Amino acid sequence: MQIAIPSSLRWLVVPMLATVAVLAFPVSSDQQAQASASQQQNASDKPYVIEYYYKAKWGHADEFIALFKKNHYPVLKKEIELGRILKVFAQVPRYHATEDGRWDFRTTIVFKNAQIANDNFDSAPLLKQLFPDQDSYKKEEQRRFEILDAHWDLPIKDFDLDAR
């Protein structure tokens, strides 16, 4: 059943209906707190996946990948040892794509959870430990980003095709 509400009264009716719904179906603060805590617990237990796409300038993909393997992959492996990251893997495209959709290298990082993926981890001590010659490291990292045309990060989630 539909009820026609004059447009001149809609500004009044919508807030009134929201108020009625809140009063008719109250939720205790204990229930809200339990639901919130349960959701946070579930989120903190689930792995969090981010795909990192890199598009190098033409002719520089191999150089980019070599610098990535030399200077960034060891940091990621160290974070696996620390338990922050569960898995790291990489892909390269098998065939060419159009320029606007082209990417040359993709890494997928499976973090322990979303909180860790977004916690502003200070990797400076790891970098000093792994790369004692900081000048060379910084020059090579600068070069790695100089030869990039584009870079984007894409957090992803599983989608259950069998779910209703």
C-alpha atoms as a PDB file:
ATOM      1  CA  MET A   1       0.000   0.000   0.000  1.00  0.00           C
ATOM      2  CA  GLN A   2       1.312   3.429  -0.922  1.00  0.00           C
ATOM      3  CA  ILE A   3       0.335   6.726   0.635  1.00  0.00           C
ATOM      4  CA  ALA A   4       0.613   9.897  -1.385  1.00  0.00           C
ATOM      5  CA  ILE A   5       2.455  12.610   0.533  1.00  0.00           C
ATOM      6  CA  PRO A   6       2.325  16.127  -0.861  1.00  0.00           C
ATOM      7  CA  SER A   7       5.811  17.328  -1.780  1.00  0.00           C
ATOM      8  CA  SER A   8       5.353  20.387   0.396  1.00  0.00           C
ATOM      9  CA  LEU A   9       5.140  18.121   3.485  1.00  0.00           C
ATOM     10  CA  ARG A  10       7.908  15.621   2.658  1.00  0.00           C
ATOM     11  CA  TRP A  11      10.498  17.642   4.571  1.00  0.00           C
ATOM     12  CA  LEU A  12       8.424  17.080   7.694  1.00  0.00           C
ATOM     13  CA  VAL A  13       7.261  13.493   7.123  1.00  0.00           C
ATOM     14  CA  VAL A  14      10.646  11.816   6.532  1.00  0.00           C
ATOM     15  CA  PRO A  15      12.238  12.930   9.849  1.00  0.00           C
ATOM     16  CA  MET A  16       8.986  12.107  11.636  1.00  0.00           C
ATOM     17  CA  LEU A  17       8.956   8.548  10.239  1.00  0.00           C
ATOM     18  CA  ALA A  18      12.612   8.081  11.237  1.00  0.00           C
ATOM     19  CA  THR A  19      11.794   9.167  14.787  1.00  0.00           C
ATOM     20  CA  VAL A  20       8.834   6.781  14.942  1.00  0.00           C
ATOM     21  CA  ALA A  21      11.026   3.903  13.762  1.00  0.00           C
ATOM     22  CA  VAL A  22      13.640   4.603  16.433  1.00  0.00           C
ATOM     23  CA  LEU A  23      10.999   4.791  19.163  1.00  0.00           C
ATOM     24  CA  ALA A  24       9.110   1.724  17.945  1.00  0.00           C
ATOM     25  CA  PHE A  25      12.207  -0.482  17.623  1.00  0.00           C
ATOM     26  CA  PRO A  26      14.692   0.604  20.282  1.00  0.00           C
ATOM     27  CA  VAL A  27      18.086  -1.107  20.432  1.00  0.00           C
ATOM     28  CA  SER A  28      19.857  -1.123  23.765  1.00  0.00           C
ATOM     29  CA  SER A  29      23.342   0.333  23.981  1.00  0.00           C
ATOM     30  CA  ASP A  30      24.547  -3.094  25.206  1.00  0.00           C
ATOM     31  CA  GLN A  31      23.279  -4.728  22.018  1.00  0.00           C
ATOM     32  CA  GLN A  32      24.861  -1.995  19.920  1.00  0.00           C
ATOM     33  CA  ALA A  33      28.175  -2.383  21.739  1.00  0.00           C
ATOM     34  CA  GLN A  34      28.106  -6.167  21.329  1.00  0.00           C
ATOM     35  CA  ALA A  35      27.327  -5.897  17.619  1.00  0.00           C
ATOM     36  CA  SER A  36      30.082  -3.337  17.123  1.00  0.00           C
ATOM     37  CA  ALA A  37      32.620  -5.428  19.040  1.00  0.00           C
ATOM     38  CA  SER A  38      31.638  -8.522  17.066  1.00  0.00           C
ATOM     39  CA  GLN A  39      32.057  -6.701  13.754  1.00  0.00           C
ATOM     40  CA  GLN A  40      35.451  -5.339  14.811  1.00  0.00           C
ATOM     41  CA  GLN A  41      36.584  -8.809  15.917  1.00  0.00           C
ATOM     42  CA  ASN A  42      35.522 -10.330  12.595  1.00  0.00           C
ATOM     43  CA  ALA A  43      37.305  -7.568  10.664  1.00  0.00           C
ATOM     44  CA  SER A  44      40.491  -7.972  12.703  1.00  0.00           C
ATOM     45  CA  ASP A  45      40.538 -11.725  12.070  1.00  0.00           C
ATOM     46  CA  LYS A  46      40.137 -11.558   8.293  1.00  0.00           C
ATOM     47  CA  PRO A  47      43.066 -11.236   5.912  1.00  0.00           C
ATOM     48  CA  TYR A  48      43.057  -7.990   3.929  1.00  0.00           C
ATOM     49  CA  VAL A  49      44.162  -8.086   0.296  1.00  0.00           C
ATOM     50  CA  ILE A  50      45.551  -5.220  -1.769  1.00  0.00           C
ATOM     51  CA  GLU A  51      46.679  -5.393  -5.369  1.00  0.00           C
ATOM     52  CA  TYR A  52      49.397  -2.911  -6.367  1.00  0.00           C
ATOM     53  CA  TYR A  53      49.607  -2.058 -10.071  1.00  0.00           C
ATOM     54  CA  TYR A  54      52.652  -0.519 -11.736  1.00  0.00           C
ATOM     55  CA  LYS A  55      52.825   0.930 -15.246  1.00  0.00           C
ATOM     56  CA  ALA A  56      56.409   1.635 -16.299  1.00  0.00           C
ATOM     57  CA  LYS A  57      57.470   3.996 -19.033  1.00  0.00           C
ATOM     58  CA  TRP A  58      57.831   2.176 -22.341  1.00  0.00           C
ATOM     59  CA  GLY A  59      60.931  -0.021 -22.373  1.00  0.00           C
ATOM     60  CA  HIS A  60      61.544   0.178 -18.607  1.00  0.00           C
ATOM     61  CA  ALA A  61      59.386  -2.637 -17.216  1.00  0.00           C
ATOM     62  CA  ASP A  62      62.303  -5.044 -16.766  1.00  0.00           C
ATOM     63  CA  GLU A  63      64.368  -2.389 -14.991  1.00  0.00           C
ATOM     64  CA  PHE A  64      61.445  -1.544 -12.717  1.00  0.00           C
ATOM     65  CA  ILE A  65      60.902  -5.194 -11.799  1.00  0.00           C
ATOM     66  CA  ALA A  66      64.619  -5.714 -11.119  1.00  0.00           C
ATOM     67  CA  LEU A  67      64.675  -2.705  -8.773  1.00  0.00           C
ATOM     68  CA  PHE A  68      61.460  -3.872  -7.082  1.00  0.00           C
ATOM     69  CA  LYS A  69      62.963  -7.316  -6.465  1.00  0.00           C
ATOM     70  CA  LYS A  70      66.199  -5.818  -5.170  1.00  0.00           C
ATOM     71  CA  ASN A  71      64.878  -3.032  -2.933  1.00  0.00           C
ATOM     72  CA  HIS A  72      61.220  -3.608  -2.071  1.00  0.00           C
ATOM     73  CA  TYR A  73      60.661  -7.348  -2.055  1.00  0.00           C
ATOM     74  CA  PRO A  74      63.163  -7.913   0.812  1.00  0.00           C
ATOM     75  CA  VAL A  75      61.137  -5.466   2.945  1.00  0.00           C
ATOM     76  CA  LEU A  76      57.940  -7.359   2.187  1.00  0.00           C
ATOM     77  CA  LYS A  77      59.618 -10.678   3.054  1.00  0.00           C
ATOM     78  CA  LYS A  78      60.743  -9.175   6.368  1.00  0.00           C
ATOM     79  CA  GLU A  79      57.153  -8.143   7.081  1.00  0.00           C
ATOM     80  CA  ILE A  80      56.115 -11.753   6.417  1.00  0.00           C
ATOM     81  CA  GLU A  81      58.663 -12.838   9.044  1.00  0.00           C
ATOM     82  CA  LEU A  82      57.160 -10.288  11.454  1.00  0.00           C
ATOM     83  CA  GLY A  83      53.674 -11.720  10.866  1.00  0.00           C
ATOM     84  CA  ARG A  84      52.255  -8.521   9.383  1.00  0.00           C
ATOM     85  CA  ILE A  85      51.910  -9.993   5.890  1.00  0.00           C
ATOM     86  CA  LEU A  86      50.686 -13.512   5.173  1.00  0.00           C
ATOM     87  CA  LYS A  87      51.625 -13.745   1.494  1.00  0.00           C
ATOM     88  CA  VAL A  88      53.090 -11.751  -1.398  1.00  0.00           C
ATOM     89  CA  PHE A  89      52.896 -12.743  -5.023  1.00  0.00           C
ATOM     90  CA  ALA A  90      53.366 -11.009  -8.364  1.00  0.00           C
ATOM     91  CA  GLN A  91      52.035 -11.212 -11.894  1.00  0.00           C
ATOM     92  CA  VAL A  92      52.927  -9.741 -15.253  1.00  0.00           C
ATOM     93  CA  PRO A  93      50.496  -9.615 -18.166  1.00  0.00           C
ATOM     94  CA  ARG A  94      50.849 -12.352 -20.749  1.00  0.00           C
ATOM     95  CA  TYR A  95      49.673 -10.157 -23.646  1.00  0.00           C
ATOM     96  CA  HIS A  96      49.548  -6.473 -24.487  1.00  0.00           C
ATOM     97  CA  ALA A  97      46.670  -4.214 -23.538  1.00  0.00           C
ATOM     98  CA  THR A  98      45.530  -0.833 -24.760  1.00  0.00           C
ATOM     99  CA  GLU A  99      47.614   2.045 -23.426  1.00  0.00           C
ATOM    100  CA  ASP A 100      44.903   3.316 -21.076  1.00  0.00           C
ATOM    101  CA  GLY A 101      44.498  -0.132 -19.495  1.00  0.00           C
ATOM    102  CA  ARG A 102      48.136  -1.170 -19.600  1.00  0.00           C
ATOM    103  CA  TRP A 103      50.030  -2.252 -16.522  1.00  0.00           C
ATOM    104  CA  ASP A 104      53.410  -4.007 -16.434  1.00  0.00           C
ATOM    105  CA  PHE A 105      53.648  -5.487 -12.955  1.00  0.00           C
ATOM    106  CA  ARG A 106      51.173  -6.339 -10.233  1.00  0.00           C
ATOM    107  CA  THR A 107      51.903  -7.460  -6.722  1.00  0.00           C
ATOM    108  CA  THR A 108      49.249  -8.811  -4.426  1.00  0.00           C
ATOM    109  CA  ILE A 109      49.822  -8.528  -0.706  1.00  0.00           C
ATOM    110  CA  VAL A 110      47.698 -10.454   1.769  1.00  0.00           C
ATOM    111  CA  PHE A 111      47.940  -8.609   5.074  1.00  0.00           C
ATOM    112  CA  LYS A 112      47.053 -10.258   8.371  1.00  0.00           C
ATOM    113  CA  ASN A 113      44.073  -7.888   8.665  1.00  0.00           C
ATOM    114  CA  ALA A 114      42.815  -4.449   7.616  1.00  0.00           C
ATOM    115  CA  GLN A 115      44.174  -2.739  10.715  1.00  0.00           C
ATOM    116  CA  ILE A 116      47.722  -3.862   9.966  1.00  0.00           C
ATOM    117  CA  ALA A 117      47.373  -2.899   6.298  1.00  0.00           C
ATOM    118  CA  ASN A 118      46.514   0.659   7.335  1.00  0.00           C
ATOM    119  CA  ASP A 119      48.573   1.183  10.496  1.00  0.00           C
ATOM    120  CA  ASN A 120      51.324   3.487   9.136  1.00  0.00           C
ATOM    121  CA  PHE A 121      54.030   0.941   9.938  1.00  0.00           C
ATOM    122  CA  ASP A 122      57.453   2.577  10.280  1.00  0.00           C
ATOM    123  CA  SER A 123      59.715   0.585   7.987  1.00  0.00           C
ATOM    124  CA  ALA A 124      62.775   2.829   8.553  1.00  0.00           C
ATOM    125  CA  PRO A 125      64.504   0.390  10.965  1.00  0.00           C
ATOM    126  CA  LEU A 126      63.975  -2.470   8.483  1.00  0.00           C
ATOM    127  CA  LEU A 127      65.360  -0.377   5.634  1.00  0.00           C
ATOM    128  CA  LYS A 128      68.492   0.480   7.612  1.00  0.00           C
ATOM    129  CA  GLN A 129      68.972  -3.163   8.558  1.00  0.00           C
ATOM    130  CA  LEU A 130      68.408  -4.513   5.044  1.00  0.00           C
ATOM    131  CA  PHE A 131      70.238  -1.758   3.159  1.00  0.00           C
ATOM    132  CA  PRO A 132      73.256  -0.460   5.088  1.00  0.00           C
ATOM    133  CA  ASP A 133      74.295   1.650   2.083  1.00  0.00           C
ATOM    134  CA  GLN A 134      71.353   4.027   2.369  1.00  0.00           C
ATOM    135  CA  ASP A 135      72.640   6.378  -0.335  1.00  0.00           C
ATOM    136  CA  SER A 136      72.595   3.632  -2.975  1.00  0.00           C
ATOM    137  CA  TYR A 137      69.243   2.378  -1.748  1.00  0.00           C
ATOM    138  CA  LYS A 138      67.679   5.854  -1.961  1.00  0.00           C
ATOM    139  CA  LYS A 139      69.086   6.456  -5.463  1.00  0.00           C
ATOM    140  CA  GLU A 140      67.755   3.129  -6.710  1.00  0.00           C
ATOM    141  CA  GLU A 141      64.338   3.724  -5.162  1.00  0.00           C
ATOM    142  CA  GLN A 142      64.258   7.179  -6.732  1.00  0.00           C
ATOM    143  CA  ARG A 143      65.055   5.594 -10.084  1.00  0.00           C
ATOM    144  CA  ARG A 144      62.344   2.962  -9.590  1.00  0.00           C
ATOM    145  CA  PHE A 145      59.742   5.695  -9.262  1.00  0.00           C
ATOM    146  CA  GLU A 146      61.228   7.906 -12.000  1.00  0.00           C
ATOM    147  CA  ILE A 147      60.550   5.199 -14.570  1.00  0.00           C
ATOM    148  CA  LEU A 148      56.912   4.780 -13.536  1.00  0.00           C
ATOM    149  CA  ASP A 149      54.112   6.279 -15.588  1.00  0.00           C
ATOM    150  CA  ALA A 150      51.420   5.228 -13.107  1.00  0.00           C
ATOM    151  CA  HIS A 151      50.858   3.316  -9.895  1.00  0.00           C
ATOM    152  CA  TRP A 152      47.601   2.467  -8.155  1.00  0.00           C
ATOM    153  CA  ASP A 153      46.510   0.372  -5.194  1.00  0.00           C
ATOM    154  CA  LEU A 154      43.310  -1.627  -5.200  1.00  0.00           C
ATOM    155  CA  PRO A 155      41.995  -3.227  -1.997  1.00  0.00           C
ATOM    156  CA  ILE A 156      39.939  -6.245  -3.017  1.00  0.00           C
ATOM    157  CA  LYS A 157      37.504  -8.599  -1.359  1.00  0.00           C
ATOM    158  CA  ASP A 158      36.201 -12.041  -2.218  1.00  0.00           C
ATOM    159  CA  PHE A 159      32.803 -12.256  -3.836  1.00  0.00           C
ATOM    160  CA  ASP A 160      30.789 -15.432  -3.265  1.00  0.00           C
ATOM    161  CA  LEU A 161      29.039 -16.274  -6.523  1.00  0.00           C
ATOM    162  CA  ASP A 162      26.970 -18.958  -4.782  1.00  0.00           C
ATOM    163  CA  ALA A 163      25.599 -16.663  -2.073  1.00  0.00           C
ATOM    164  CA  ARG A 164      22.065 -15.416  -2.452  1.00  0.00           C
END
